[in-house]
N, C-alpha and C. Protein backbone atom coordinates (compact mmCIF):
# COMPACT_ATOMS: atom_id res chain seq x y z
N MET A 1 -10.62 -5.46 -8.81
CA MET A 1 -9.70 -4.82 -9.68
C MET A 1 -8.44 -5.83 -9.69
N SER A 2 -7.92 -6.09 -10.58
CA SER A 2 -6.61 -7.11 -10.59
C SER A 2 -5.16 -6.31 -10.39
N SER A 3 -4.42 -7.15 -9.73
CA SER A 3 -3.26 -6.57 -9.53
C SER A 3 -2.41 -6.15 -10.53
N ARG A 4 -1.33 -5.12 -10.37
CA ARG A 4 -0.61 -4.64 -11.66
C ARG A 4 0.37 -5.91 -12.02
N SER A 5 0.74 -6.67 -11.09
CA SER A 5 1.74 -7.67 -11.37
C SER A 5 1.05 -8.90 -12.18
N ASP A 6 -0.22 -8.68 -12.42
CA ASP A 6 -0.96 -9.96 -13.21
C ASP A 6 -0.41 -9.93 -14.57
N PRO A 7 0.15 -11.06 -14.84
CA PRO A 7 0.74 -11.08 -16.19
C PRO A 7 -0.31 -11.00 -17.32
N ASN A 8 -1.55 -11.44 -17.15
CA ASN A 8 -2.64 -11.17 -18.17
C ASN A 8 -2.99 -9.71 -18.44
N ALA A 9 -2.43 -8.82 -17.40
CA ALA A 9 -3.23 -7.41 -17.60
C ALA A 9 -2.44 -6.65 -18.53
N THR A 10 -1.03 -7.22 -18.99
CA THR A 10 -0.30 -6.53 -20.04
C THR A 10 -0.19 -7.31 -21.28
N ARG A 11 -0.78 -8.65 -21.09
CA ARG A 11 -0.38 -9.40 -22.19
C ARG A 11 -1.53 -9.79 -23.15
N SER A 12 -2.82 -9.80 -22.50
CA SER A 12 -3.94 -10.11 -22.99
C SER A 12 -4.55 -9.07 -24.08
N GLY A 13 -5.19 -9.32 -25.16
CA GLY A 13 -5.62 -8.42 -25.88
C GLY A 13 -6.36 -7.15 -25.60
N GLU A 14 -6.29 -5.97 -25.80
CA GLU A 14 -7.02 -5.02 -25.67
C GLU A 14 -7.46 -4.62 -24.10
N VAL A 15 -6.57 -4.21 -23.38
CA VAL A 15 -6.95 -4.08 -21.95
C VAL A 15 -6.34 -2.82 -21.53
N PRO A 16 -7.45 -1.80 -21.21
CA PRO A 16 -6.86 -0.54 -20.47
C PRO A 16 -6.71 -0.63 -19.12
N ILE A 17 -5.44 0.01 -18.74
CA ILE A 17 -5.33 -0.02 -17.27
C ILE A 17 -4.98 1.61 -16.97
N LEU A 18 -5.77 2.12 -15.88
CA LEU A 18 -5.60 3.51 -15.53
C LEU A 18 -4.92 3.74 -14.28
N VAL A 19 -3.80 4.53 -14.25
CA VAL A 19 -3.12 4.64 -12.97
C VAL A 19 -3.15 6.06 -12.60
N GLY A 20 -3.54 6.51 -11.59
CA GLY A 20 -3.73 7.87 -11.15
C GLY A 20 -2.30 8.37 -10.75
N VAL A 21 -1.97 9.41 -11.28
CA VAL A 21 -0.65 10.12 -10.68
C VAL A 21 -0.93 11.35 -9.78
N VAL A 22 -0.73 11.35 -8.56
CA VAL A 22 -1.29 11.92 -7.38
C VAL A 22 -0.93 13.41 -7.80
N ARG A 23 0.10 13.69 -8.08
CA ARG A 23 0.69 15.18 -8.31
C ARG A 23 1.30 15.27 -9.77
N GLU A 24 0.85 16.48 -10.40
CA GLU A 24 1.51 16.74 -11.79
C GLU A 24 2.91 17.27 -11.67
N THR A 25 3.30 18.03 -10.48
CA THR A 25 4.52 18.57 -10.32
C THR A 25 5.19 18.07 -8.99
N GLY A 26 6.36 18.38 -8.97
CA GLY A 26 6.90 17.73 -7.65
C GLY A 26 7.81 16.53 -7.96
N PRO A 27 8.12 15.72 -6.74
CA PRO A 27 8.98 14.56 -6.88
C PRO A 27 8.37 13.85 -8.08
N ARG A 28 9.15 13.01 -8.79
CA ARG A 28 8.80 11.91 -9.64
C ARG A 28 8.09 11.02 -8.94
N VAL A 29 6.96 10.36 -9.71
CA VAL A 29 5.96 9.44 -9.16
C VAL A 29 6.48 8.14 -9.77
N ASP A 30 6.43 7.16 -8.78
CA ASP A 30 6.77 5.70 -9.24
C ASP A 30 5.37 5.23 -9.76
N LEU A 31 5.16 4.72 -10.76
CA LEU A 31 3.67 4.27 -11.43
C LEU A 31 3.53 2.70 -10.80
N ASP A 32 4.53 2.18 -10.39
CA ASP A 32 4.22 1.03 -9.71
C ASP A 32 3.87 0.91 -8.29
N ASP A 33 3.73 2.16 -7.78
CA ASP A 33 3.26 2.60 -6.12
C ASP A 33 1.78 1.93 -6.13
N GLU A 34 1.77 1.09 -5.28
CA GLU A 34 0.42 0.39 -4.94
C GLU A 34 -0.21 1.41 -4.32
N GLU A 35 0.11 2.47 -3.73
CA GLU A 35 -0.62 3.42 -3.12
C GLU A 35 -1.66 4.28 -4.06
N LEU A 36 -1.04 4.34 -5.54
CA LEU A 36 -1.76 5.14 -6.53
C LEU A 36 -3.15 4.64 -6.74
N PRO A 37 -4.05 5.71 -6.99
CA PRO A 37 -5.21 5.02 -7.54
C PRO A 37 -5.11 4.26 -8.74
N TYR A 38 -5.78 3.15 -8.89
CA TYR A 38 -5.76 2.13 -9.82
C TYR A 38 -6.88 1.85 -10.44
N CYS A 39 -7.23 1.53 -11.75
CA CYS A 39 -8.13 0.62 -12.38
C CYS A 39 -8.15 -0.04 -13.44
N PHE A 40 -8.24 -1.28 -13.25
CA PHE A 40 -8.17 -2.49 -14.52
C PHE A 40 -9.47 -2.73 -14.78
N LEU A 41 -9.72 -2.27 -16.19
CA LEU A 41 -11.17 -2.55 -16.69
C LEU A 41 -11.45 -3.66 -17.39
N GLU A 42 -10.22 -4.56 -17.38
CA GLU A 42 -10.45 -5.87 -18.04
C GLU A 42 -10.76 -5.71 -19.53
N LYS A 43 -11.74 -6.36 -20.00
CA LYS A 43 -12.11 -6.08 -21.25
C LYS A 43 -13.48 -5.60 -21.43
N SER A 44 -14.00 -4.95 -20.33
CA SER A 44 -15.08 -4.22 -20.39
C SER A 44 -15.25 -3.00 -20.90
N TRP A 45 -14.05 -2.42 -21.41
CA TRP A 45 -13.95 -1.08 -21.72
C TRP A 45 -14.72 -0.57 -22.95
N ALA A 46 -14.99 -1.56 -23.90
CA ALA A 46 -15.82 -1.35 -25.15
C ALA A 46 -17.16 -1.42 -24.83
N GLY A 47 -17.71 -2.27 -23.92
CA GLY A 47 -19.02 -1.97 -23.51
C GLY A 47 -19.48 -0.81 -22.81
N ILE A 48 -18.52 -0.45 -21.84
CA ILE A 48 -18.72 0.72 -20.91
C ILE A 48 -18.76 1.94 -22.13
N ARG A 49 -17.75 1.95 -23.09
CA ARG A 49 -17.57 3.02 -23.96
C ARG A 49 -18.80 3.28 -24.78
N PHE A 50 -19.53 2.07 -25.20
CA PHE A 50 -20.84 1.98 -25.93
C PHE A 50 -22.02 2.61 -25.12
N LEU A 51 -21.97 2.25 -23.81
CA LEU A 51 -23.18 2.78 -22.83
C LEU A 51 -22.91 4.33 -22.56
N LEU A 52 -21.67 4.68 -22.43
CA LEU A 52 -21.41 6.10 -22.20
C LEU A 52 -21.87 6.90 -23.48
N ASP A 53 -21.34 6.48 -24.68
CA ASP A 53 -21.88 6.99 -25.77
C ASP A 53 -23.34 7.19 -26.26
N GLU A 54 -23.93 6.16 -25.85
CA GLU A 54 -25.49 5.98 -26.07
C GLU A 54 -26.06 7.07 -25.08
N ALA A 55 -25.44 7.12 -24.00
CA ALA A 55 -25.99 8.00 -22.83
C ALA A 55 -25.68 9.38 -23.08
N GLY A 56 -24.86 9.52 -23.99
CA GLY A 56 -24.27 10.89 -24.58
C GLY A 56 -23.41 11.55 -23.23
N VAL A 57 -22.73 10.65 -22.69
CA VAL A 57 -21.72 10.89 -21.44
C VAL A 57 -20.29 11.45 -22.19
N GLY A 58 -19.55 12.45 -21.93
CA GLY A 58 -18.58 13.00 -22.81
C GLY A 58 -17.21 12.24 -22.05
N VAL A 59 -17.26 11.13 -22.02
CA VAL A 59 -15.90 10.61 -21.46
C VAL A 59 -15.78 9.33 -22.47
N ASP A 60 -14.48 9.10 -22.81
CA ASP A 60 -14.00 8.06 -23.63
C ASP A 60 -12.71 7.46 -23.23
N VAL A 61 -12.89 6.27 -22.52
CA VAL A 61 -11.65 5.59 -22.13
C VAL A 61 -10.86 5.23 -22.77
N TYR A 62 -11.07 5.34 -24.15
CA TYR A 62 -10.09 4.83 -25.07
C TYR A 62 -9.52 6.14 -26.01
N GLU A 63 -10.36 6.97 -26.17
CA GLU A 63 -9.39 8.20 -27.03
C GLU A 63 -9.18 9.31 -26.17
N ASP A 64 -9.76 9.63 -25.04
CA ASP A 64 -9.34 10.91 -24.32
C ASP A 64 -7.97 10.84 -23.73
N GLY A 65 -7.46 11.92 -23.70
CA GLY A 65 -6.05 12.30 -23.17
C GLY A 65 -5.13 12.49 -24.19
N ASP A 66 -4.06 12.47 -23.97
CA ASP A 66 -3.01 12.83 -24.87
C ASP A 66 -2.01 11.77 -25.20
N PRO A 67 -1.65 11.41 -26.30
CA PRO A 67 -0.42 10.19 -26.48
C PRO A 67 0.64 10.65 -25.89
N ILE A 68 1.38 9.72 -25.29
CA ILE A 68 2.62 10.14 -24.71
C ILE A 68 3.73 9.07 -25.15
N ASP A 69 3.49 8.30 -26.13
CA ASP A 69 4.49 7.52 -26.54
C ASP A 69 4.00 7.30 -28.03
N GLU A 70 5.25 6.83 -28.91
CA GLU A 70 4.99 6.47 -30.09
C GLU A 70 3.94 5.60 -30.73
N GLU A 71 3.71 4.79 -29.88
CA GLU A 71 2.84 3.57 -30.33
C GLU A 71 1.23 3.77 -29.79
N CYS A 72 1.20 4.99 -29.20
CA CYS A 72 -0.09 5.35 -28.53
C CYS A 72 -0.71 4.23 -27.65
N VAL A 73 0.21 3.61 -26.90
CA VAL A 73 -0.46 2.64 -26.01
C VAL A 73 -0.51 3.57 -24.61
N LEU A 74 0.21 4.53 -24.26
CA LEU A 74 0.17 5.25 -23.19
C LEU A 74 -0.53 6.69 -23.54
N PHE A 75 -1.56 7.14 -22.77
CA PHE A 75 -2.09 8.18 -22.83
C PHE A 75 -2.32 9.06 -21.89
N GLY A 76 -1.75 10.46 -21.62
CA GLY A 76 -1.81 11.33 -20.36
C GLY A 76 -3.12 11.91 -20.13
N TRP A 77 -3.61 11.86 -19.11
CA TRP A 77 -5.02 12.50 -18.86
C TRP A 77 -4.54 13.60 -17.81
N SER A 78 -4.72 14.94 -18.20
CA SER A 78 -4.31 15.95 -17.36
C SER A 78 -5.35 16.03 -16.11
N ALA A 79 -4.84 16.76 -15.12
CA ALA A 79 -5.74 16.83 -13.80
C ALA A 79 -7.01 17.41 -14.08
N ASP A 80 -7.14 18.44 -14.98
CA ASP A 80 -8.31 19.05 -15.43
C ASP A 80 -9.28 17.90 -16.20
N LEU A 81 -8.63 17.20 -17.06
CA LEU A 81 -9.52 16.18 -17.82
C LEU A 81 -10.04 14.97 -16.78
N VAL A 82 -9.28 14.79 -15.79
CA VAL A 82 -9.50 13.81 -14.69
C VAL A 82 -10.70 14.46 -14.07
N ALA A 83 -10.66 15.65 -13.57
CA ALA A 83 -11.60 16.38 -12.72
C ALA A 83 -13.11 16.28 -13.68
N ALA A 84 -12.65 16.58 -14.87
CA ALA A 84 -14.03 16.76 -15.87
C ALA A 84 -14.74 15.27 -15.81
N SER A 85 -13.69 14.28 -15.97
CA SER A 85 -14.15 12.98 -16.27
C SER A 85 -14.92 12.60 -15.01
N ALA A 86 -14.39 12.91 -13.81
CA ALA A 86 -14.79 12.50 -12.44
C ALA A 86 -16.22 12.93 -12.38
N GLU A 87 -16.52 14.22 -12.45
CA GLU A 87 -17.75 14.97 -12.66
C GLU A 87 -18.56 14.27 -13.51
N ALA A 88 -18.44 14.06 -14.79
CA ALA A 88 -19.39 13.59 -15.71
C ALA A 88 -19.74 12.11 -15.20
N LEU A 89 -18.56 11.18 -14.70
CA LEU A 89 -19.05 10.03 -14.55
C LEU A 89 -19.87 9.88 -13.11
N GLY A 90 -19.35 10.66 -12.09
CA GLY A 90 -20.14 10.81 -10.74
C GLY A 90 -21.50 11.12 -11.00
N ALA A 91 -21.82 12.11 -11.98
CA ALA A 91 -23.15 12.42 -12.33
C ALA A 91 -24.04 11.52 -13.17
N THR A 92 -23.32 10.30 -13.52
CA THR A 92 -24.18 9.30 -14.26
C THR A 92 -24.13 8.03 -13.57
N PRO A 93 -24.99 7.75 -12.66
CA PRO A 93 -25.13 6.59 -12.20
C PRO A 93 -25.45 5.48 -12.97
N PHE A 94 -25.09 4.15 -12.79
CA PHE A 94 -25.04 3.35 -13.93
C PHE A 94 -26.36 2.92 -14.32
N GLU A 95 -27.55 3.32 -13.43
CA GLU A 95 -28.85 3.15 -13.86
C GLU A 95 -28.98 3.81 -15.30
N ALA A 96 -28.52 5.05 -15.27
CA ALA A 96 -28.48 5.89 -16.46
C ALA A 96 -28.02 5.11 -17.66
N LEU A 97 -27.05 4.51 -17.71
CA LEU A 97 -26.70 3.72 -18.60
C LEU A 97 -27.08 2.41 -18.99
N GLU A 98 -27.53 1.85 -17.94
CA GLU A 98 -28.22 0.52 -18.04
C GLU A 98 -29.72 0.37 -19.07
N VAL A 99 -30.13 1.89 -18.93
CA VAL A 99 -31.47 1.79 -19.97
C VAL A 99 -30.86 1.78 -21.36
N HIS A 100 -29.84 1.91 -21.62
CA HIS A 100 -29.21 1.85 -22.93
C HIS A 100 -28.42 0.49 -23.61
N TYR A 101 -28.63 -0.33 -22.38
CA TYR A 101 -27.92 -1.67 -22.37
C TYR A 101 -28.96 -2.66 -23.43
N ASP A 102 -28.65 -2.82 -24.71
CA ASP A 102 -29.49 -3.76 -25.55
C ASP A 102 -28.49 -4.82 -26.25
N PRO A 103 -28.49 -6.04 -25.66
CA PRO A 103 -27.75 -7.06 -26.19
C PRO A 103 -27.60 -7.12 -27.66
N ARG A 104 -28.85 -7.11 -28.22
CA ARG A 104 -28.89 -7.15 -29.67
C ARG A 104 -28.05 -6.08 -30.32
N LYS A 105 -28.22 -4.89 -30.02
CA LYS A 105 -27.52 -3.71 -30.37
C LYS A 105 -26.15 -3.91 -30.33
N LEU A 106 -25.57 -4.07 -29.08
CA LEU A 106 -24.07 -4.66 -28.85
C LEU A 106 -23.50 -5.44 -29.76
N SER A 107 -24.43 -6.53 -30.11
CA SER A 107 -23.80 -7.78 -30.93
C SER A 107 -23.74 -7.09 -32.28
N GLU A 108 -24.96 -6.42 -32.59
CA GLU A 108 -24.84 -6.21 -34.08
C GLU A 108 -23.52 -5.20 -34.42
N ALA A 109 -23.27 -4.39 -33.36
CA ALA A 109 -22.34 -3.16 -33.50
C ALA A 109 -20.99 -3.89 -33.38
N ASP A 110 -20.86 -5.25 -32.99
CA ASP A 110 -19.51 -6.02 -32.74
C ASP A 110 -18.71 -5.33 -31.72
N VAL A 111 -19.39 -5.07 -30.66
CA VAL A 111 -18.72 -4.53 -29.63
C VAL A 111 -17.74 -5.47 -28.79
N TYR A 112 -16.63 -5.22 -28.60
CA TYR A 112 -15.64 -6.13 -27.93
C TYR A 112 -16.05 -6.21 -26.65
N PRO A 113 -15.76 -7.19 -25.79
CA PRO A 113 -15.22 -8.47 -26.44
C PRO A 113 -16.22 -9.80 -26.67
N MET A 114 -17.44 -9.50 -26.36
CA MET A 114 -18.47 -10.25 -26.70
C MET A 114 -18.73 -10.48 -28.27
N ARG A 115 -18.42 -9.45 -28.97
CA ARG A 115 -18.52 -9.27 -30.43
C ARG A 115 -20.19 -9.65 -30.72
N HIS A 116 -20.32 -10.77 -31.32
CA HIS A 116 -21.85 -10.91 -31.71
C HIS A 116 -22.69 -11.69 -30.59
N MET A 117 -22.10 -12.03 -29.49
CA MET A 117 -22.66 -12.95 -28.58
C MET A 117 -22.96 -12.06 -27.17
N TRP A 118 -23.38 -10.81 -27.16
CA TRP A 118 -23.71 -10.27 -25.81
C TRP A 118 -25.00 -10.74 -25.51
N ASP A 119 -25.38 -10.89 -24.30
CA ASP A 119 -26.69 -11.50 -23.86
C ASP A 119 -27.12 -10.59 -22.40
N ALA A 120 -28.23 -11.05 -22.02
CA ALA A 120 -28.85 -10.10 -20.86
C ALA A 120 -27.66 -10.11 -19.51
N ASP A 121 -27.10 -11.35 -19.41
CA ASP A 121 -26.27 -11.39 -18.31
C ASP A 121 -24.90 -10.58 -18.16
N ASP A 122 -24.50 -10.19 -19.24
CA ASP A 122 -23.36 -9.31 -19.34
C ASP A 122 -23.59 -8.26 -18.60
N ILE A 123 -24.60 -7.43 -18.50
CA ILE A 123 -24.80 -6.20 -17.91
C ILE A 123 -24.09 -6.17 -16.40
N GLY A 124 -24.11 -7.25 -15.74
CA GLY A 124 -23.38 -7.17 -14.35
C GLY A 124 -21.91 -7.05 -14.50
N TYR A 125 -21.26 -7.75 -15.66
CA TYR A 125 -19.77 -7.39 -15.69
C TYR A 125 -19.53 -5.70 -15.97
N LEU A 126 -20.51 -5.22 -16.82
CA LEU A 126 -20.13 -3.98 -17.18
C LEU A 126 -20.55 -2.86 -16.00
N ARG A 127 -21.43 -3.12 -15.07
CA ARG A 127 -21.87 -2.62 -13.86
C ARG A 127 -20.57 -2.74 -12.90
N ASP A 128 -20.10 -3.86 -12.59
CA ASP A 128 -18.94 -3.99 -11.85
C ASP A 128 -17.64 -3.14 -12.21
N ASN A 129 -17.33 -2.98 -13.51
CA ASN A 129 -16.34 -2.39 -13.93
C ASN A 129 -16.60 -0.80 -14.01
N TYR A 130 -17.68 -0.59 -14.20
CA TYR A 130 -18.19 0.89 -14.25
C TYR A 130 -17.89 1.57 -12.92
N ARG A 131 -18.37 0.76 -11.85
CA ARG A 131 -18.38 1.29 -10.43
C ARG A 131 -16.68 1.55 -10.33
N ASP A 132 -15.83 0.47 -10.46
CA ASP A 132 -14.22 0.68 -10.20
C ASP A 132 -13.82 2.04 -11.19
N LEU A 133 -14.53 2.20 -12.31
CA LEU A 133 -14.03 3.38 -13.01
C LEU A 133 -14.39 4.76 -12.20
N VAL A 134 -15.62 4.70 -11.82
CA VAL A 134 -16.05 5.77 -11.26
C VAL A 134 -15.33 6.16 -9.91
N ALA A 135 -15.12 4.97 -9.14
CA ALA A 135 -14.25 5.31 -7.88
C ALA A 135 -12.88 5.83 -8.17
N PHE A 136 -12.25 5.11 -9.35
CA PHE A 136 -10.71 5.65 -9.59
C PHE A 136 -10.78 7.12 -10.06
N PHE A 137 -11.74 7.57 -10.83
CA PHE A 137 -11.75 9.07 -11.34
C PHE A 137 -11.89 9.85 -9.92
N ARG A 138 -13.09 9.36 -9.21
CA ARG A 138 -13.51 10.36 -8.12
C ARG A 138 -11.80 10.12 -7.01
N LYS A 139 -11.44 9.40 -6.76
CA LYS A 139 -10.00 9.43 -5.93
C LYS A 139 -9.08 10.29 -6.51
N THR A 140 -8.93 9.90 -7.98
CA THR A 140 -7.88 10.66 -8.45
C THR A 140 -8.02 12.25 -8.66
N ALA A 141 -9.17 12.45 -9.12
CA ALA A 141 -9.88 13.80 -9.03
C ALA A 141 -9.39 14.53 -7.60
N ALA A 142 -9.96 13.91 -6.48
CA ALA A 142 -10.01 14.29 -5.03
C ALA A 142 -8.61 14.73 -4.71
N SER A 143 -7.51 13.91 -5.48
CA SER A 143 -6.12 14.26 -4.88
C SER A 143 -5.56 15.41 -5.75
N GLY A 144 -6.18 15.90 -6.74
CA GLY A 144 -5.85 16.92 -7.75
C GLY A 144 -4.82 16.05 -8.65
N GLY A 145 -4.88 15.11 -8.87
CA GLY A 145 -3.95 14.30 -9.77
C GLY A 145 -4.35 14.05 -11.22
N ALA A 146 -3.50 13.62 -12.10
CA ALA A 146 -3.50 13.36 -13.21
C ALA A 146 -3.52 11.78 -13.58
N ALA A 147 -3.72 11.25 -14.79
CA ALA A 147 -3.73 9.80 -14.95
C ALA A 147 -2.86 9.36 -16.02
N ILE A 148 -2.32 8.14 -16.25
CA ILE A 148 -2.10 7.59 -17.37
C ILE A 148 -2.96 6.39 -17.57
N ARG A 149 -3.20 6.34 -19.00
CA ARG A 149 -4.02 5.21 -19.50
C ARG A 149 -2.98 4.26 -20.37
N ASN A 150 -2.98 3.14 -20.07
CA ASN A 150 -2.10 1.98 -20.66
C ASN A 150 -2.94 1.15 -21.37
N PHE A 151 -3.06 1.01 -22.67
CA PHE A 151 -3.91 0.22 -23.50
C PHE A 151 -3.10 -0.83 -24.16
N SER A 152 -2.94 -1.88 -23.61
CA SER A 152 -2.13 -2.88 -24.24
C SER A 152 -2.85 -3.97 -25.06
N PHE A 153 -2.29 -4.37 -26.39
CA PHE A 153 -2.93 -5.07 -27.04
C PHE A 153 -2.06 -6.41 -27.13
């Protein structure tokens, strides 16, 4: 996982960042608090999304949640949505997604970031980021927290 202060995390194209908000009520939460659960998917989000869709897992890191700004860069995930996502992802080991990994299909579908150049070696990149995503949702759900998804272009 990358640091929140990484300049590329908010300036490079199409990068989702998830930050867990430990509580939905109570004192205001500082989103720069390094103790909050955090997941930086880099550019793996679309490949992970493709595999989740192919496997029929009902979690979409791009579309789920509710927009909380006019540009639809920030999406809020309620504690209930975080919990449901944690359950679905926790019940889906990467091996269940890996059977749907087909570099040709990903390339034909023009899935970001490799577009038409996916190959057999790219599965490791998706596996590592999926592992971080599952851990993020598990930790955030365990705290009863909600999340904010930041998707910068």
